[in-house]
Every structure is written in structure tokens, then in C-alpha cells.
Protein backbone atom coordinates (compact mmCIF):
# COMPACT_ATOMS: atom_id res chain seq x y z
CA UNK A 1 111.04 101.14 160.02
CA UNK A 2 108.17 102.92 158.29
CA UNK A 3 108.80 103.37 154.58
CA UNK A 4 107.69 106.73 153.17
CA UNK A 5 106.71 107.40 149.56
CA UNK A 6 108.36 110.53 148.19
CA UNK A 7 105.18 111.06 146.19
CA UNK A 8 101.64 110.02 147.17
CA UNK A 9 100.84 109.08 143.56
CA UNK A 10 101.22 105.31 143.24
CA UNK A 11 101.30 105.68 139.45
CA UNK A 12 104.76 107.26 139.81
CA UNK A 13 106.02 103.85 140.94
CA UNK A 14 104.89 102.34 137.63
CA UNK A 15 106.35 105.00 135.35
CA UNK A 16 109.22 104.66 132.89
CA UNK A 17 112.17 107.06 132.67
CA UNK A 18 115.70 107.09 131.25
CA UNK A 19 117.03 104.66 133.87
CA UNK A 20 113.89 102.59 134.50
CA UNK A 21 113.21 102.05 130.79
CA UNK A 22 110.72 99.21 131.13
CA UNK A 23 109.23 99.88 127.70
CA UNK A 24 112.54 98.84 126.08
CA UNK A 25 112.34 95.57 124.09
CA UNK A 26 115.07 93.91 126.18
CA UNK A 27 113.14 94.58 129.39
CA UNK A 28 109.89 93.42 127.81
CA UNK A 29 111.43 90.20 126.48
CA UNK A 30 113.01 89.40 129.83
CA UNK A 31 109.74 90.07 131.64
CA UNK A 32 107.86 87.83 129.22
CA UNK A 33 110.34 85.00 129.74
CA UNK A 34 110.16 85.30 133.53
CA UNK A 35 106.37 85.47 133.57
CA UNK A 36 105.97 82.30 131.47
CA UNK A 37 106.29 80.10 134.57
CA UNK A 38 104.84 82.61 137.05
CA UNK A 39 101.11 82.08 137.67
CA UNK A 40 100.61 85.25 139.74
CA UNK A 41 102.22 88.54 140.77
CA UNK A 42 103.97 86.99 143.78
CA UNK A 43 105.59 84.25 141.69
CA UNK A 44 106.63 86.75 139.03
CA UNK A 45 108.12 89.16 141.58
CA UNK A 46 110.12 86.34 143.16
CA UNK A 47 111.31 85.13 139.74
CA UNK A 48 112.40 88.65 138.76
CA UNK A 49 114.23 89.11 142.07
CA UNK A 50 116.04 85.76 141.75
CA UNK A 51 117.01 86.48 138.14
CA UNK A 52 118.53 89.88 138.92
CA UNK A 53 120.24 88.61 142.06
CA UNK A 54 121.75 85.47 140.54
CA UNK A 55 122.00 85.93 136.76
CA UNK A 56 123.45 89.45 136.75
CA UNK A 57 126.82 89.57 138.53
CA UNK A 58 127.54 92.62 140.65
CA UNK A 59 130.20 94.57 138.76
CA UNK A 60 132.63 94.75 141.67
CA UNK A 61 132.35 91.00 142.37
CA UNK A 62 132.11 89.51 138.92
CA UNK A 63 135.70 89.13 137.75
CA UNK A 64 135.63 86.49 135.02
CA UNK A 65 132.28 85.13 136.15
CA UNK A 66 130.60 86.31 132.94
CA UNK A 67 132.65 83.97 130.79
CA UNK A 68 132.01 81.11 133.21
CA UNK A 69 128.29 81.77 132.76
CA UNK A 70 128.63 81.66 128.98
CA UNK A 71 127.97 85.40 128.65
CA UNK A 72 130.38 87.11 126.24
CA UNK A 73 132.19 90.16 127.63
CA UNK A 74 130.63 93.45 126.63
CA UNK A 75 132.62 95.98 124.66
CA UNK A 76 134.48 98.03 127.23
CA UNK A 77 134.41 95.36 129.97
CA UNK A 78 135.06 98.04 132.57
CA UNK A 79 132.05 100.03 131.43
CA UNK A 80 129.38 101.19 133.88
CA UNK A 81 125.70 100.40 133.29
CA UNK A 82 122.83 102.50 134.62
CA UNK A 83 119.86 101.92 132.31
CA UNK A 84 117.79 98.86 133.17
CA UNK A 85 117.90 97.65 129.57
CA UNK A 86 121.72 97.88 129.49
CA UNK A 87 122.00 95.95 132.76
CA UNK A 88 119.82 93.16 131.38
CA UNK A 89 121.58 93.12 128.03
CA UNK A 90 125.19 93.17 129.27
CA UNK A 91 124.48 91.19 132.46
CA UNK A 92 126.47 93.42 134.76
CA UNK A 93 125.84 96.30 137.15
CA UNK A 94 126.49 97.54 140.65
CA UNK A 95 123.74 97.58 143.28
CA UNK A 96 122.16 100.77 141.91
CA UNK A 97 122.04 99.45 138.36
CA UNK A 98 120.75 96.04 139.42
CA UNK A 99 118.02 97.84 141.38
CA UNK A 100 117.07 99.78 138.24
CA UNK A 101 116.77 96.49 136.36
CA UNK A 102 114.62 94.85 139.03
CA UNK A 103 112.33 97.87 139.33
CA UNK A 104 111.93 97.93 135.54
CA UNK A 105 111.03 94.23 135.43
CA UNK A 106 108.45 94.68 138.19
CA UNK A 107 106.90 97.78 136.64
CA UNK A 108 106.76 96.02 133.27
CA UNK A 109 104.20 93.68 134.84
CA UNK A 110 102.26 96.38 136.67
CA UNK A 111 103.83 95.87 140.11
CA UNK A 112 104.60 99.19 141.88
CA UNK A 113 108.31 99.31 142.69
CA UNK A 114 110.51 101.94 144.35
CA UNK A 115 114.21 102.61 144.79
CA UNK A 116 115.62 102.60 148.34
CA UNK A 117 119.01 103.30 149.84
CA UNK A 118 121.16 102.52 152.84
CA UNK A 119 124.30 104.30 154.04
CA UNK A 120 127.42 102.32 154.87
CA UNK A 121 130.89 103.51 153.82
CA UNK A 122 129.11 104.34 150.59
CA UNK A 123 125.43 104.47 149.73
CA UNK A 124 123.94 101.07 148.89
CA UNK A 125 120.95 100.63 146.57
CA UNK A 126 117.99 98.26 146.92
CA UNK A 127 114.28 98.30 146.07
CA UNK A 128 110.82 98.03 147.59
CA UNK A 129 107.69 96.59 146.03
CA UNK A 130 103.99 96.64 146.76
CA UNK A 131 102.16 93.53 145.59
CA UNK A 132 98.45 93.66 144.69
CA UNK A 133 96.18 93.27 147.70
CA UNK A 134 98.91 94.18 150.19
CA UNK A 135 99.00 97.41 152.13
CA UNK A 136 102.68 97.38 153.01
CA UNK A 137 105.77 98.10 150.95
CA UNK A 138 108.51 95.50 151.45
CA UNK A 139 112.21 96.06 150.70
CA UNK A 140 114.18 93.53 148.68
CA UNK A 141 117.91 93.48 147.91
CA UNK A 142 119.03 91.75 144.72
CA UNK A 143 122.70 92.70 145.05
CA UNK A 144 123.83 89.07 145.02
CA UNK A 145 127.43 87.94 144.91
CA UNK A 146 129.44 86.78 147.89
CA UNK A 147 128.80 89.93 149.91
CA UNK A 148 125.04 89.86 149.41
CA UNK A 149 124.41 86.17 148.83
CA UNK A 150 122.24 85.83 151.93
CA UNK A 151 119.52 88.16 150.64
CA UNK A 152 116.22 86.36 150.00
CA UNK A 153 112.83 87.31 148.57
CA UNK A 154 110.61 87.71 151.63
CA UNK A 155 107.31 89.46 152.26
CA UNK A 156 106.82 88.54 155.91
CA UNK A 157 110.10 90.08 157.05
CA UNK A 158 113.16 91.60 155.41
CA UNK A 159 116.17 89.47 154.55
CA UNK A 160 118.51 91.99 152.96
CA UNK A 161 122.14 91.80 151.95
CA UNK A 162 123.25 94.07 154.78
CA UNK A 163 121.85 95.16 158.15
CA UNK A 164 122.73 98.68 159.25
CA UNK A 165 124.61 99.30 162.48
CA UNK A 166 123.60 102.68 163.91
CA UNK A 167 126.57 102.65 166.27
CA UNK A 168 128.79 102.97 163.16
CA UNK A 169 126.64 105.78 161.72
CA UNK A 170 125.06 103.44 159.19
CA UNK A 171 121.58 104.46 158.08
CA UNK A 172 118.43 102.98 156.58
CA UNK A 173 116.91 105.77 154.51
CA UNK A 174 113.12 105.39 154.81
CA UNK A 175 112.21 107.20 151.59
CA UNK A 176 110.75 105.27 148.65
CA UNK A 177 112.00 107.02 145.52
CA UNK A 178 109.98 106.78 142.32
CA UNK A 179 113.10 107.73 140.32
CA UNK A 180 116.80 107.13 141.01
CA UNK A 181 118.27 109.58 143.50
CA UNK A 182 120.11 112.34 141.57
CA UNK A 183 123.41 111.69 143.39
CA UNK A 184 123.27 108.01 142.46
CA UNK A 185 122.38 108.66 138.85
CA UNK A 186 125.06 111.31 138.51
CA UNK A 187 127.85 109.04 139.73
CA UNK A 188 126.79 106.27 137.34
CA UNK A 189 126.64 108.64 134.38
CA UNK A 190 129.95 110.33 135.20
CA UNK A 191 131.94 107.12 135.72
CA UNK A 192 133.88 106.23 132.59
CA UNK A 193 134.86 102.86 134.01
CA UNK A 194 134.62 100.83 137.21
CA UNK A 195 137.76 102.22 138.90
CA UNK A 196 136.37 105.75 138.42
CA UNK A 197 132.96 104.60 139.66
CA UNK A 198 134.53 103.37 142.91
CA UNK A 199 135.88 106.91 143.44
CA UNK A 200 132.53 108.57 142.72
CA UNK A 201 130.19 106.49 144.86
CA UNK A 202 128.14 108.83 147.09
CA UNK A 203 128.82 108.48 150.82
CA UNK A 204 125.46 109.97 151.88
CA UNK A 205 122.18 111.24 150.43
């Protein structure tokens, strides 16, 4: 599948906004920690992917996993995160929010990163990145958890959490968004808790 930028300006995929707040101190500190053992952009991108996939439980999978990880529950444990800094600070988020966090970490180190989506029963969020010296965007899926545990950081071929099945009207959207899709951002902002979020998830873009 050919991935298509929704803007030709590569600088848009390095920008900060309300959701991808990579200038926030929490994002900057996390990026600095991850880059300490990463000698180049590839190593850093892989470290950021692994961190978001494994250290930030997906909200719908996590249960009591936070306490098992030694992370204290956030106030309003059923709360919904959407800003990258909040995802990193509270260590929870659904696929969209985890994608915001990963994009913010990549952009914090000057790696162009985009938001991507797939359509299953509900819309699923993932990212794409473009490493220095490479012509091609490559999608990555840091959803993690039991459902997405098979996703790996790959540049030669995709190894995502889920493969679409066209016969079931599932869709890979080819567009690379520089900002979160409005429907995705709206559902995250409107959800007062996780049960309400499950009701608001968009079923198509």
C-alpha cells in the first residue's frame, strides 16, 4: 500500500500541537532517557517504539497491570488520556493516545512521524515514521497488550498488531496525518471515562 502525506510539507510531521505536545517537559525527559543508550536515529526510534508498546499499558487491556508494574494509579483511574505528555505521565492510553505519545517522542528527536488509521469494528490508531536517509514511510503499531503483542519494530516490512481483511470490510487508510484525525480527537476529548470512550469510538473516518 502506498502511504500518502496529507500535506507535502515534511515540517508538518515535526510540529507540536495540543495532542502531540513534544515540547512538554515530560516528553523531553522521556526522550532524553531513551536516547541515552541510542547511538543513532534507528536505535532511538526502536527504543521509543518498545517503550510505548511495553511500558504503557493499553487502557482497555491494563486492568491492575499498573500496580504490578509499580506505577501508582492516576487520579480518576477510568480517565481517558489524549495528550502525549499525559500518556507518558500516567502510563495509560488507548491506541490513539499511545500513538500520540510515540509520535511526540519521535518528533522530539527530529524524526518525522505521522498518525495512521485502520478500520475494523472501530477505527484503530497507529503511526508511520520516516528515518533520515530513507525515502519510504514505514508504519509501526505500538498498541501492545495481548491483542497487539505480536507487533514489532520493522523497517523492511510491516509487522503490525492487526492485518486488515477486506472481505470483512476492514480498511487500511493510506493517509499520513500530521495531526490527529478530528473524529479521533473528538471522541477522546468527549469521553469522561473508559466506558463512555468505548461507546464513542469512531467506526470509520
